[in-house]
Protein backbone atom coordinates (compact mmCIF):
# COMPACT_ATOMS: atom_id res chain seq x y z
CA MET A 1 -7.76 -5.40 -20.66
CA ILE A 2 -5.67 -7.79 -18.55
CA ASN A 3 -7.52 -8.36 -15.29
CA GLU A 4 -5.93 -8.06 -11.86
CA THR A 5 -4.84 -11.27 -10.13
CA VAL A 6 -3.40 -9.70 -6.94
CA PHE A 7 -5.11 -8.06 -4.00
CA THR A 8 -3.56 -6.36 -0.98
CA TRP A 9 -4.77 -6.37 2.61
CA GLY A 10 -3.40 -4.77 5.74
CA ALA A 11 -4.37 -3.92 9.32
CA PRO A 12 -2.74 -2.42 12.39
CA ALA A 13 -1.74 -4.40 15.43
CA LEU A 14 -4.87 -4.69 17.61
CA LYS A 15 -5.65 -4.68 21.29
CA PHE A 16 -9.32 -5.09 22.23
CA GLY A 17 -11.20 -5.37 25.51
CA LEU A 18 -12.37 -3.73 28.71
CA GLY A 19 -9.45 -1.93 30.33
CA ALA A 20 -7.28 -1.94 27.22
CA VAL A 21 -6.99 1.86 27.40
CA ASP A 22 -4.87 1.55 30.55
CA GLU A 23 -2.12 -0.19 28.57
CA VAL A 24 -1.61 2.61 26.03
CA GLY A 25 1.55 3.86 27.79
CA PRO A 26 3.55 0.64 27.72
CA ASP A 27 2.33 -0.11 24.20
CA THR A 28 3.44 3.31 22.93
CA ALA A 29 6.81 2.95 24.61
CA ALA A 30 7.28 -0.43 22.93
CA LEU A 31 6.46 1.08 19.53
CA LEU A 32 9.06 3.80 20.09
CA VAL A 33 11.67 1.21 21.00
CA ARG A 34 10.96 -0.64 17.76
CA ALA A 35 11.13 2.66 15.86
CA GLY A 36 14.52 3.38 17.45
CA THR A 37 13.39 6.61 19.18
CA GLY A 38 12.83 5.53 22.78
CA GLU A 39 14.14 3.37 25.61
CA ARG A 40 12.15 1.08 27.88
CA SER A 41 14.03 2.46 30.88
CA GLY A 42 12.49 5.90 30.36
CA VAL A 43 15.95 7.55 30.36
CA THR A 44 14.94 9.15 27.08
CA ARG A 45 11.54 10.73 27.77
CA ALA A 46 10.10 10.71 24.28
CA ARG A 47 7.38 13.30 23.70
CA VAL A 48 4.01 11.97 22.59
CA LEU A 49 1.25 14.14 21.13
CA VAL A 50 -2.21 13.16 22.41
CA VAL A 51 -4.74 14.36 19.83
CA THR A 52 -8.31 14.77 21.05
CA ASP A 53 -11.27 17.16 21.10
CA ALA A 54 -12.78 19.27 23.87
CA GLY A 55 -15.70 16.90 24.40
CA VAL A 56 -13.52 13.82 24.89
CA ALA A 57 -11.13 15.82 27.07
CA SER A 58 -14.04 16.81 29.35
CA THR A 59 -14.77 13.14 30.08
CA GLY A 60 -11.31 12.59 31.55
CA THR A 61 -10.40 9.92 29.00
CA ALA A 62 -7.54 11.93 27.50
CA ASP A 63 -6.12 12.57 30.99
CA ARG A 64 -6.37 8.84 31.67
CA VAL A 65 -4.29 8.18 28.57
CA CYS A 66 -1.76 10.85 29.55
CA ASP A 67 -1.38 9.22 32.96
CA THR A 68 -0.56 5.83 31.46
CA LEU A 69 1.95 7.50 29.12
CA LYS A 70 3.65 9.22 32.05
CA THR A 71 3.80 5.97 34.00
CA ALA A 72 5.57 4.41 31.02
CA GLY A 73 8.25 7.12 31.13
CA LEU A 74 6.91 9.19 28.24
CA GLU A 75 6.11 12.90 28.11
CA PRO A 76 2.58 13.56 26.83
CA VAL A 77 1.65 16.82 25.13
CA ILE A 78 -2.08 17.30 24.59
CA PHE A 79 -3.90 18.95 21.67
CA THR A 80 -7.65 19.44 22.21
CA GLY A 81 -8.44 21.48 19.11
CA VAL A 82 -9.90 18.74 16.88
CA HIS A 83 -12.96 19.92 14.95
CA ILE A 84 -16.06 17.67 15.15
CA GLU A 85 -16.03 17.44 11.33
CA PRO A 86 -12.37 18.22 10.47
CA THR A 87 -11.57 20.81 7.85
CA ASP A 88 -8.37 21.64 6.05
CA ALA A 89 -8.13 24.68 8.35
CA SER A 90 -8.55 22.70 11.59
CA MET A 91 -6.08 20.07 10.43
CA ARG A 92 -3.49 22.72 9.59
CA GLN A 93 -3.73 23.91 13.21
CA ALA A 94 -3.00 20.39 14.45
CA VAL A 95 -0.08 20.08 12.02
CA GLU A 96 1.47 23.32 13.27
CA PHE A 97 1.02 22.22 16.88
CA ALA A 98 2.71 18.89 16.12
CA ARG A 99 5.62 20.58 14.36
CA ASP A 100 6.11 23.04 17.22
CA SER A 101 5.91 20.29 19.86
CA ASP A 102 8.72 18.14 18.41
CA VAL A 103 7.02 14.82 19.19
CA GLN A 104 8.18 11.30 18.45
CA ALA A 105 4.78 9.57 18.48
CA PHE A 106 1.05 10.27 18.33
CA VAL A 107 -1.89 8.92 20.33
CA ALA A 108 -5.34 9.76 18.99
CA VAL A 109 -8.14 9.61 21.57
CA GLY A 110 -11.66 10.10 20.27
CA GLY A 111 -13.80 9.40 17.25
CA GLY A 112 -12.83 9.34 13.61
CA SER A 113 -12.27 13.09 13.61
CA CYS A 114 -9.54 12.80 16.25
CA ILE A 115 -7.93 9.78 14.64
CA ASP A 116 -7.97 11.34 11.16
CA THR A 117 -6.56 14.63 12.50
CA ALA A 118 -3.73 12.71 14.16
CA LYS A 119 -3.02 10.90 10.89
CA VAL A 120 -2.70 14.20 9.03
CA ALA A 121 -0.61 15.78 11.80
CA ASP A 122 1.72 12.80 11.64
CA LEU A 123 1.83 12.94 7.84
CA LEU A 124 2.63 16.61 7.48
CA SER A 125 5.07 16.79 10.38
CA THR A 126 7.17 14.11 8.68
CA GLN A 127 6.67 14.82 4.94
CA PRO A 128 7.46 17.77 2.67
CA GLY A 129 4.73 19.73 0.95
CA ASP A 130 1.31 21.19 1.70
CA LEU A 131 -1.87 19.46 2.88
CA LEU A 132 -3.71 19.82 -0.44
CA GLU A 133 -0.87 18.14 -2.29
CA TYR A 134 -1.80 14.89 -0.50
CA VAL A 135 -5.59 15.20 -0.80
CA ASN A 136 -7.12 12.77 -3.27
CA LYS A 137 -7.55 13.85 -6.89
CA PRO A 138 -9.32 15.77 -8.40
CA VAL A 139 -9.74 18.02 -5.32
CA GLY A 140 -6.04 17.74 -4.44
CA GLY A 141 -2.83 16.44 -5.93
CA GLY A 142 -2.90 12.84 -4.69
CA ARG A 143 0.79 12.96 -3.71
CA LYS A 144 2.24 9.73 -2.32
CA VAL A 145 3.93 9.46 1.06
CA GLU A 146 7.72 9.51 0.65
CA ARG A 147 9.14 9.13 4.19
CA PRO A 148 8.31 6.96 7.21
CA LEU A 149 5.70 8.35 9.58
CA ARG A 150 6.02 8.35 13.37
CA PRO A 151 4.17 5.67 15.37
CA LEU A 152 0.46 6.40 15.79
CA VAL A 153 -1.74 4.68 18.40
CA ALA A 154 -5.49 5.03 17.79
CA VAL A 155 -7.85 4.85 20.79
CA PRO A 156 -11.45 5.15 19.50
CA THR A 157 -14.15 6.42 21.85
CA THR A 158 -16.93 5.86 19.33
CA ALA A 159 -18.02 2.69 17.56
CA GLY A 160 -18.37 3.81 13.99
CA THR A 161 -15.66 5.13 11.74
CA GLY A 162 -13.22 2.24 11.91
CA ALA A 163 -10.53 4.90 11.46
CA GLU A 164 -8.33 2.99 13.87
CA CYS A 165 -7.89 0.36 11.13
CA THR A 166 -7.90 2.36 7.91
CA PRO A 167 -5.30 4.09 5.70
CA VAL A 168 -7.59 7.08 5.08
CA ALA A 169 -8.14 10.52 6.66
CA VAL A 170 -11.31 12.48 5.82
CA LEU A 171 -11.70 16.26 5.87
CA ASP A 172 -13.75 19.15 4.52
CA VAL A 173 -11.93 21.34 2.02
CA LEU A 174 -13.58 24.66 2.79
CA SER A 175 -12.73 26.43 -0.46
CA ALA A 176 -14.40 23.64 -2.49
CA SER A 177 -17.34 23.07 -0.08
CA VAL A 178 -16.70 19.35 -0.32
CA LYS A 179 -15.62 16.55 1.97
CA THR A 180 -12.79 14.41 0.62
CA GLY A 181 -9.76 12.61 2.00
CA ILE A 182 -6.17 11.50 1.92
CA SER A 183 -5.54 7.85 1.15
CA ASP A 184 -2.22 6.08 1.58
CA PRO A 185 -1.23 2.80 3.28
CA ALA A 186 1.25 4.76 5.40
CA LEU A 187 -1.64 6.46 7.23
CA ARG A 188 -2.82 3.23 8.87
CA PRO A 189 -2.13 3.42 12.63
CA ALA A 190 0.61 1.24 14.05
CA LEU A 191 -1.70 0.07 16.85
CA ALA A 192 -5.44 0.22 17.53
CA VAL A 193 -6.45 0.04 21.19
CA VAL A 194 -10.20 -0.57 21.34
CA ASP A 195 -11.85 -0.43 24.77
CA PRO A 196 -15.66 -0.79 24.52
CA SER A 197 -16.14 0.91 27.90
CA LEU A 198 -15.04 4.21 26.34
CA THR A 199 -18.15 4.27 24.13
CA VAL A 200 -20.79 4.21 26.88
CA THR A 201 -20.93 8.02 27.07
CA MET A 202 -22.10 8.38 23.45
CA PRO A 203 -25.63 9.86 23.30
CA PRO A 204 -28.27 7.86 21.38
CA GLU A 205 -28.14 10.11 18.31
CA VAL A 206 -24.35 9.77 18.08
CA THR A 207 -24.56 6.02 18.68
CA ALA A 208 -27.09 5.70 15.85
CA ALA A 209 -25.07 7.74 13.36
CA SER A 210 -21.85 5.95 14.25
CA GLY A 211 -23.50 2.54 13.99
CA LEU A 212 -24.94 3.26 10.58
CA ASP A 213 -21.48 4.29 9.43
CA VAL A 214 -20.32 0.81 10.50
CA LEU A 215 -23.20 -0.71 8.56
CA CYS A 216 -22.41 1.20 5.38
CA HIS A 217 -18.70 0.43 5.63
CA ALA A 218 -19.56 -3.25 5.74
CA LEU A 219 -22.20 -3.22 3.01
CA GLU A 220 -20.26 -1.02 0.61
CA SER A 221 -17.08 -3.06 0.87
CA PHE A 222 -19.04 -6.33 0.52
CA THR A 223 -20.84 -5.08 -2.61
CA ALA A 224 -17.80 -3.28 -4.07
CA LYS A 225 -16.33 -4.08 -7.46
CA PRO A 226 -14.24 -7.26 -7.04
CA PHE A 227 -10.48 -6.81 -7.04
CA ASP A 228 -10.13 -9.11 -10.09
CA ALA A 229 -12.49 -6.95 -12.16
CA PHE A 230 -9.97 -4.11 -12.23
CA GLU A 231 -7.19 -3.69 -14.75
CA ARG A 232 -3.87 -5.25 -13.77
CA LYS A 233 -1.57 -2.93 -11.79
CA GLY A 234 2.15 -2.90 -11.24
CA ALA A 235 3.76 -3.08 -7.80
CA ASP A 236 4.20 0.71 -7.70
CA GLN A 237 0.54 1.31 -8.61
CA ARG A 238 -1.12 -0.43 -5.67
CA VAL A 239 -3.85 1.63 -4.01
CA ALA A 240 -5.35 1.58 -0.52
CA TYR A 241 -8.75 0.45 -1.84
CA CYS A 242 -8.36 -2.60 -4.07
CA GLY A 243 -11.98 -3.81 -4.28
CA ALA A 244 -13.88 -6.67 -2.68
CA ASN A 245 -11.56 -9.55 -1.80
CA PRO A 246 -11.76 -12.76 0.24
CA VAL A 247 -10.08 -11.39 3.39
CA SER A 248 -12.19 -8.23 3.59
CA ASP A 249 -15.32 -10.30 2.87
CA THR A 250 -14.57 -12.46 5.91
CA TRP A 251 -14.51 -9.48 8.26
CA VAL A 252 -17.68 -8.01 6.75
CA GLU A 253 -19.58 -11.27 7.20
CA ARG A 254 -18.64 -11.11 10.90
CA THR A 255 -19.70 -7.44 11.12
CA LEU A 256 -23.30 -7.62 9.92
CA PRO A 257 -24.65 -10.06 12.57
CA LEU A 258 -23.11 -7.90 15.31
CA VAL A 259 -24.84 -4.80 13.94
CA ALA A 260 -28.11 -6.69 13.53
CA ARG A 261 -28.26 -7.86 17.13
CA SER A 262 -26.73 -4.87 18.93
CA LEU A 263 -27.13 -1.48 17.21
CA ARG A 264 -30.75 -1.01 18.25
CA ALA A 265 -29.88 -2.10 21.80
CA ALA A 266 -26.90 0.26 22.04
CA VAL A 267 -29.01 3.20 20.85
CA HIS A 268 -31.92 2.53 23.20
CA ASP A 269 -29.80 1.67 26.28
CA GLY A 270 -26.32 3.17 26.21
CA SER A 271 -25.39 1.38 29.43
CA ASN A 272 -25.82 -2.03 27.76
CA LEU A 273 -22.17 -3.05 27.84
CA ALA A 274 -22.74 -6.22 25.82
CA ALA A 275 -24.23 -4.16 22.98
CA ARG A 276 -21.41 -1.62 23.26
CA HIS A 277 -18.89 -4.49 23.08
CA ASP A 278 -20.54 -5.85 19.93
CA MET A 279 -20.61 -2.45 18.21
CA ALA A 280 -16.97 -1.69 19.06
CA LEU A 281 -16.02 -5.07 17.62
CA ALA A 282 -18.22 -4.44 14.56
CA ALA A 283 -16.61 -1.06 13.92
CA MET A 284 -13.15 -2.64 14.08
CA PHE A 285 -14.13 -5.57 11.85
CA ALA A 286 -15.76 -3.27 9.29
CA GLY A 287 -12.65 -1.07 9.34
CA MET A 288 -10.51 -4.06 8.45
CA GLY A 289 -12.94 -4.82 5.62
CA PHE A 290 -13.53 -1.46 3.97
CA GLY A 291 -10.05 -0.20 4.86
CA ASN A 292 -8.80 -2.52 2.13
CA ALA A 293 -11.75 -3.23 -0.18
CA GLY A 294 -13.07 0.35 -0.20
CA VAL A 295 -16.45 2.06 -0.04
CA HIS A 296 -18.46 3.44 -2.90
CA ILE A 297 -21.73 5.26 -3.69
CA PRO A 298 -23.19 6.10 -0.24
CA HIS A 299 -19.88 7.52 0.93
CA ALA A 300 -19.33 9.44 -2.32
CA CYS A 301 -22.80 10.95 -1.91
CA ALA A 302 -22.22 11.67 1.78
CA TYR A 303 -19.31 13.99 1.17
CA PRO A 304 -21.25 16.74 -0.63
CA ILE A 305 -24.19 16.25 1.78
CA ALA A 306 -21.88 17.01 4.70
CA GLY A 307 -19.89 19.67 2.84
CA ARG A 308 -22.85 21.68 1.51
CA VAL A 309 -25.34 21.59 4.37
CA ARG A 310 -26.79 25.02 5.16
CA ASP A 311 -29.03 25.10 8.22
CA TYR A 312 -29.25 21.68 9.87
CA HIS A 313 -27.57 20.80 13.16
CA PRO A 314 -28.36 17.63 15.13
CA ALA A 315 -29.30 18.20 18.76
CA ALA A 316 -26.81 15.79 20.35
CA TYR A 317 -23.74 17.31 18.71
CA PRO A 318 -21.89 20.28 20.27
CA GLY A 319 -21.86 23.74 18.76
CA ASP A 320 -24.40 25.27 16.44
CA GLU A 321 -22.69 25.41 13.05
CA PRO A 322 -24.49 23.64 10.19
CA MET A 323 -23.48 19.98 9.96
CA VAL A 324 -24.71 16.56 8.94
CA PRO A 325 -22.74 13.99 10.97
CA HIS A 326 -20.83 11.61 8.75
CA GLY A 327 -22.84 8.51 9.71
CA GLN A 328 -26.12 10.27 8.98
CA ALA A 329 -24.83 11.63 5.68
CA VAL A 330 -23.71 8.17 4.54
CA ALA A 331 -26.96 6.44 5.52
CA LEU A 332 -29.27 8.93 3.79
CA THR A 333 -28.59 7.62 0.28
CA ALA A 334 -27.78 4.02 1.21
CA PRO A 335 -31.20 2.43 0.48
CA ALA A 336 -31.39 4.04 -2.97
CA ALA A 337 -27.75 3.16 -3.69
CA PHE A 338 -28.26 -0.53 -2.87
CA ARG A 339 -31.36 -0.68 -5.07
CA PHE A 340 -29.12 0.55 -7.90
CA THR A 341 -26.24 -1.87 -7.21
CA TYR A 342 -28.44 -4.95 -6.66
CA SER A 343 -28.22 -6.15 -10.26
CA ALA A 344 -24.39 -6.20 -10.17
CA ASN A 345 -24.38 -9.10 -7.71
CA PRO A 346 -27.82 -10.19 -6.45
CA ASP A 347 -26.41 -13.05 -4.34
CA ARG A 348 -24.24 -10.71 -2.27
CA HIS A 349 -27.08 -8.27 -1.69
CA LEU A 350 -29.41 -11.07 -0.59
CA LEU A 351 -26.80 -12.60 1.71
CA ALA A 352 -26.20 -9.21 3.32
CA ALA A 353 -29.96 -8.77 3.82
CA ASP A 354 -30.20 -12.20 5.45
CA LEU A 355 -27.32 -11.39 7.81
CA LEU A 356 -28.99 -8.11 8.79
CA GLU A 357 -32.44 -9.65 9.30
CA PRO A 358 -31.96 -13.26 10.39
CA ASP A 359 -35.57 -13.23 11.61
CA GLY A 360 -36.74 -12.90 8.00
CA ALA A 361 -38.36 -9.49 8.53
CA GLY A 362 -37.96 -8.63 4.84
CA ALA A 363 -38.72 -12.06 3.42
CA CYS A 364 -41.83 -10.79 1.63
CA ASP A 365 -39.98 -7.91 -0.05
CA PRO A 366 -39.09 -8.25 -3.73
CA GLU A 367 -35.54 -9.59 -3.95
CA GLU A 368 -34.17 -6.38 -5.46
CA GLU A 369 -35.65 -4.48 -2.50
CA ARG A 370 -34.55 -6.70 0.37
CA LEU A 371 -31.23 -5.09 1.26
CA ALA A 372 -32.59 -1.58 0.81
CA GLY A 373 -35.55 -2.56 2.98
CA ALA A 374 -33.35 -4.02 5.74
CA VAL A 375 -31.25 -0.83 5.83
CA THR A 376 -34.37 1.35 5.88
CA ARG A 377 -35.93 -0.54 8.78
CA LEU A 378 -32.73 -0.26 10.81
CA MET A 379 -32.45 3.47 10.07
CA ARG A 380 -36.05 4.03 11.15
CA ASP A 381 -35.62 2.02 14.35
CA VAL A 382 -32.57 3.99 15.53
CA GLY A 383 -34.03 7.40 14.71
CA ILE A 384 -31.99 8.60 11.76
CA PRO A 385 -33.49 11.58 9.83
CA ASN A 386 -35.95 10.40 7.19
CA GLY A 387 -34.10 11.53 4.10
CA LEU A 388 -32.42 14.57 2.59
CA GLY A 389 -35.51 16.69 3.17
CA ALA A 390 -35.17 16.15 6.92
CA VAL A 391 -31.66 17.68 6.88
CA ARG A 392 -32.99 20.69 4.97
CA PHE A 393 -31.97 19.98 1.39
CA SER A 394 -34.44 20.59 -1.41
CA PRO A 395 -34.80 18.99 -4.86
CA SER A 396 -33.20 22.09 -6.36
CA ASP A 397 -29.97 21.11 -4.57
CA VAL A 398 -29.65 17.84 -6.50
CA PRO A 399 -27.44 19.12 -9.36
CA ASP A 400 -25.01 20.58 -6.81
CA LEU A 401 -24.98 17.34 -4.81
CA VAL A 402 -24.35 15.31 -7.96
CA GLU A 403 -21.46 17.60 -8.89
CA GLY A 404 -19.93 17.08 -5.44
CA ALA A 405 -20.35 13.30 -5.59
CA LEU A 406 -18.70 13.16 -9.01
CA GLN A 407 -15.55 14.64 -7.46
CA GLN A 408 -15.19 11.45 -5.39
CA GLN A 409 -13.77 9.35 -8.21
CA ARG A 410 -11.57 7.33 -5.85
CA LEU A 411 -14.80 6.02 -4.28
CA LEU A 412 -17.02 5.85 -7.35
CA SER A 413 -14.40 3.72 -9.12
CA ILE A 414 -15.05 1.03 -6.48
CA ALA A 415 -18.79 0.87 -7.26
CA PRO A 416 -19.88 -2.41 -8.87
CA LYS A 417 -21.74 -0.46 -11.59
CA ASP A 418 -20.89 2.88 -13.17
CA PRO A 419 -23.03 5.27 -11.12
CA ALA A 420 -22.42 8.51 -13.02
CA ARG A 421 -25.80 8.60 -14.74
CA ALA A 422 -27.61 7.16 -11.72
CA LEU A 423 -26.51 9.70 -9.11
CA GLU A 424 -29.31 12.16 -9.82
CA GLY A 425 -31.91 9.44 -9.34
CA ILE A 426 -30.22 8.18 -6.16
CA PHE A 427 -30.33 11.64 -4.61
CA ARG A 428 -33.93 12.28 -5.71
CA ASP A 429 -35.04 8.93 -4.30
CA SER A 430 -33.46 9.84 -0.95
CA PHE A 431 -35.57 12.84 0.03
CA GLU A 432 -38.13 10.80 1.94
CA ILE A 433 -37.03 7.24 2.68
CA TRP A 434 -40.03 5.85 4.53
């Protein structure tokens, strides 16, 4: 095998800070000018689809964005039908709305579900073919994007998914009872507008789940298979996730200290604006890391956990349908996964543990246990369910969960060790974490 010598890295244009949301209108108008579909004078009132969910809409944030779009001479059209955990069915509804609305740009306002729904609506209102043709193999066809997408501005209201920075959209495919995604560099938003003040309304349970998603994004990309351990690719074979690389590593090493000092504080006091600022920055940094390096075992395991849940619903989330929020689902197998991956690169695992616990809380743990221990202590402190048993899975579900995880080959290929034979043990070790 000839090893790879090239890595790729990309990110959207970024705007970060208190009050940044009030500049979405002028920023969107400028993007349309550059795309050749709008005029700064407002003579041509380009239509912009604002993609959000009912919960975010009820806070007034989506209306605030619409007002700034109108002031900039644009015509906002609002879609509030985003599903909390998007499915192929809910995304098809957004696609049809986008097609019928004849829009020239998209603004996503909300968490990862809103941003990912906007990505798919943009994709399928500009490309030929059906949704499942673009879903990652083996669940879908893995079709590549062929035409330019319309400008997409991402305005996150949670500090977790990093979707504002990534070239990925995640969804549940109902017929397969599995969560999977679409991955293509074209899906990365043109602009991310991150305003930490928009996250202060997140309840503690949502803050905790979102923050642990940030943590796992950072840790998985930092411990991923290095880009130069893959087989050499040609220019037309480049993928969104290329493995751990020096640029992604830099962002991850900035992420972990922010999570260490501020996630607990943000969960226990949502009005702590300094903690909210740190976590919004951490989510963005982690997105720029894993959005290029990739994620691996915890995320691959999370997809069947979320897709095959039967009778668990967290109190802070709207509705009553069974669901395991993405951040919870990812965290539940993370300690066991990092015990497994430790031997692939002990130095990286120990450095990550040190960044998470600069006070040396886990210094007495065996080295192979230190990162798993640091993750476990953080999970316990922010009130995440204590394992798969707490979200109502039983040991008899393990074969089904393993089968679902094995469908996530795009993610498992990024793992630093082949996890195929280890997945059963990882799930079984995740029923009661502490």
